[in-house]
């Protein structure tokens, strides 16, 4: 995977995480909502670690995506 693909994936999961954090889940769906948030954060962390190994920085050079 090249750097631009990794940065794209980081921004994709980052935006998805922000959208999930803004949502108010139905009380019956709170457990699955928390699981989705943890899953997105884990995926984003995995890509940030990959980016850090390649470039020495875990911050993507592309700007954040708007909500």
C-alpha atoms as a PDB file:
ATOM      1  CA  UNK A   1       0.000   0.000   0.000  1.00  0.00           C
ATOM      2  CA  UNK A   2       1.429   3.399  -0.886  1.00  0.00           C
ATOM      3  CA  UNK A   3       1.383   6.532   1.279  1.00  0.00           C
ATOM      4  CA  UNK A   4      -1.534   8.237  -0.479  1.00  0.00           C
ATOM      5  CA  UNK A   5      -3.732   5.139  -0.040  1.00  0.00           C
ATOM      6  CA  UNK A   6      -2.866   4.936   3.657  1.00  0.00           C
ATOM      7  CA  UNK A   7      -3.588   8.647   4.158  1.00  0.00           C
ATOM      8  CA  UNK A   8      -6.923   8.254   2.354  1.00  0.00           C
ATOM      9  CA  UNK A   9      -7.894   5.359   4.625  1.00  0.00           C
ATOM     10  CA  UNK A  10      -6.952   7.353   7.743  1.00  0.00           C
ATOM     11  CA  UNK A  11      -9.112  10.296   6.676  1.00  0.00           C
ATOM     12  CA  UNK A  12     -11.973   7.950   5.710  1.00  0.00           C
ATOM     13  CA  UNK A  13     -12.023   6.285   9.131  1.00  0.00           C
ATOM     14  CA  UNK A  14     -11.466   9.614  10.884  1.00  0.00           C
ATOM     15  CA  UNK A  15     -14.519  11.128   9.209  1.00  0.00           C
ATOM     16  CA  UNK A  16     -16.581   8.006   9.881  1.00  0.00           C
ATOM     17  CA  UNK A  17     -15.597   8.142  13.527  1.00  0.00           C
ATOM     18  CA  UNK A  18     -16.621  11.796  13.804  1.00  0.00           C
ATOM     19  CA  UNK A  19     -19.999  10.997  12.216  1.00  0.00           C
ATOM     20  CA  UNK A  20     -20.534   8.100  14.636  1.00  0.00           C
ATOM     21  CA  UNK A  21     -19.600  10.268  17.615  1.00  0.00           C
ATOM     22  CA  UNK A  22     -22.227  12.876  16.652  1.00  0.00           C
ATOM     23  CA  UNK A  23     -25.025  10.302  16.406  1.00  0.00           C
ATOM     24  CA  UNK A  24     -27.278   9.481  19.320  1.00  0.00           C
ATOM     25  CA  UNK A  25     -28.006   5.744  19.146  1.00  0.00           C
ATOM     26  CA  UNK A  26     -31.287   4.178  20.202  1.00  0.00           C
ATOM     27  CA  UNK A  27     -30.903   2.678  23.695  1.00  0.00           C
ATOM     28  CA  UNK A  28     -31.275  -0.825  22.233  1.00  0.00           C
ATOM     29  CA  UNK A  29     -28.354  -0.176  19.854  1.00  0.00           C
ATOM     30  CA  UNK A  30     -25.847   1.365  22.264  1.00  0.00           C
ATOM     31  CA  UNK A  31     -23.656  -1.736  22.495  1.00  0.00           C
ATOM     32  CA  UNK A  32     -23.333  -2.096  18.720  1.00  0.00           C
ATOM     33  CA  UNK A  33     -22.745   1.664  18.395  1.00  0.00           C
ATOM     34  CA  UNK A  34     -19.861   1.494  20.894  1.00  0.00           C
ATOM     35  CA  UNK A  35     -18.473  -1.511  19.043  1.00  0.00           C
ATOM     36  CA  UNK A  36     -18.524   0.419  15.745  1.00  0.00           C
ATOM     37  CA  UNK A  37     -16.687   3.342  17.351  1.00  0.00           C
ATOM     38  CA  UNK A  38     -13.995   1.037  18.758  1.00  0.00           C
ATOM     39  CA  UNK A  39     -13.699  -0.741  15.426  1.00  0.00           C
ATOM     40  CA  UNK A  40     -13.221   2.511  13.501  1.00  0.00           C
ATOM     41  CA  UNK A  41     -10.661   3.744  16.043  1.00  0.00           C
ATOM     42  CA  UNK A  42      -8.715   0.465  15.816  1.00  0.00           C
ATOM     43  CA  UNK A  43      -8.658   0.576  12.020  1.00  0.00           C
ATOM     44  CA  UNK A  44      -7.535   4.193  12.025  1.00  0.00           C
ATOM     45  CA  UNK A  45      -4.787   3.343  14.510  1.00  0.00           C
ATOM     46  CA  UNK A  46      -3.604   0.483  12.325  1.00  0.00           C
ATOM     47  CA  UNK A  47      -3.259   2.769   9.309  1.00  0.00           C
ATOM     48  CA  UNK A  48      -1.573   5.491  11.375  1.00  0.00           C
ATOM     49  CA  UNK A  49       0.982   2.943  12.560  1.00  0.00           C
ATOM     50  CA  UNK A  50       1.622   1.904   8.939  1.00  0.00           C
ATOM     51  CA  UNK A  51       2.040   5.556   7.919  1.00  0.00           C
ATOM     52  CA  UNK A  52       4.457   6.164  10.799  1.00  0.00           C
ATOM     53  CA  UNK A  53       6.591   3.188   9.761  1.00  0.00           C
ATOM     54  CA  UNK A  54       6.884   4.542   6.216  1.00  0.00           C
ATOM     55  CA  UNK A  55       7.142   8.313   6.736  1.00  0.00           C
ATOM     56  CA  UNK A  56       8.100   8.775  10.392  1.00  0.00           C
ATOM     57  CA  UNK A  57       4.874  10.729  11.025  1.00  0.00           C
ATOM     58  CA  UNK A  58       1.433   9.376  11.827  1.00  0.00           C
ATOM     59  CA  UNK A  59      -0.353  12.521  10.616  1.00  0.00           C
ATOM     60  CA  UNK A  60      -1.595  12.487   7.005  1.00  0.00           C
ATOM     61  CA  UNK A  61      -0.516  15.339   4.753  1.00  0.00           C
ATOM     62  CA  UNK A  62      -3.986  15.662   3.194  1.00  0.00           C
ATOM     63  CA  UNK A  63      -6.456  17.965   5.005  1.00  0.00           C
ATOM     64  CA  UNK A  64      -9.313  16.635   7.112  1.00  0.00           C
ATOM     65  CA  UNK A  65     -12.588  15.928   5.386  1.00  0.00           C
ATOM     66  CA  UNK A  66     -15.579  18.107   6.298  1.00  0.00           C
ATOM     67  CA  UNK A  67     -18.628  16.570   7.964  1.00  0.00           C
END
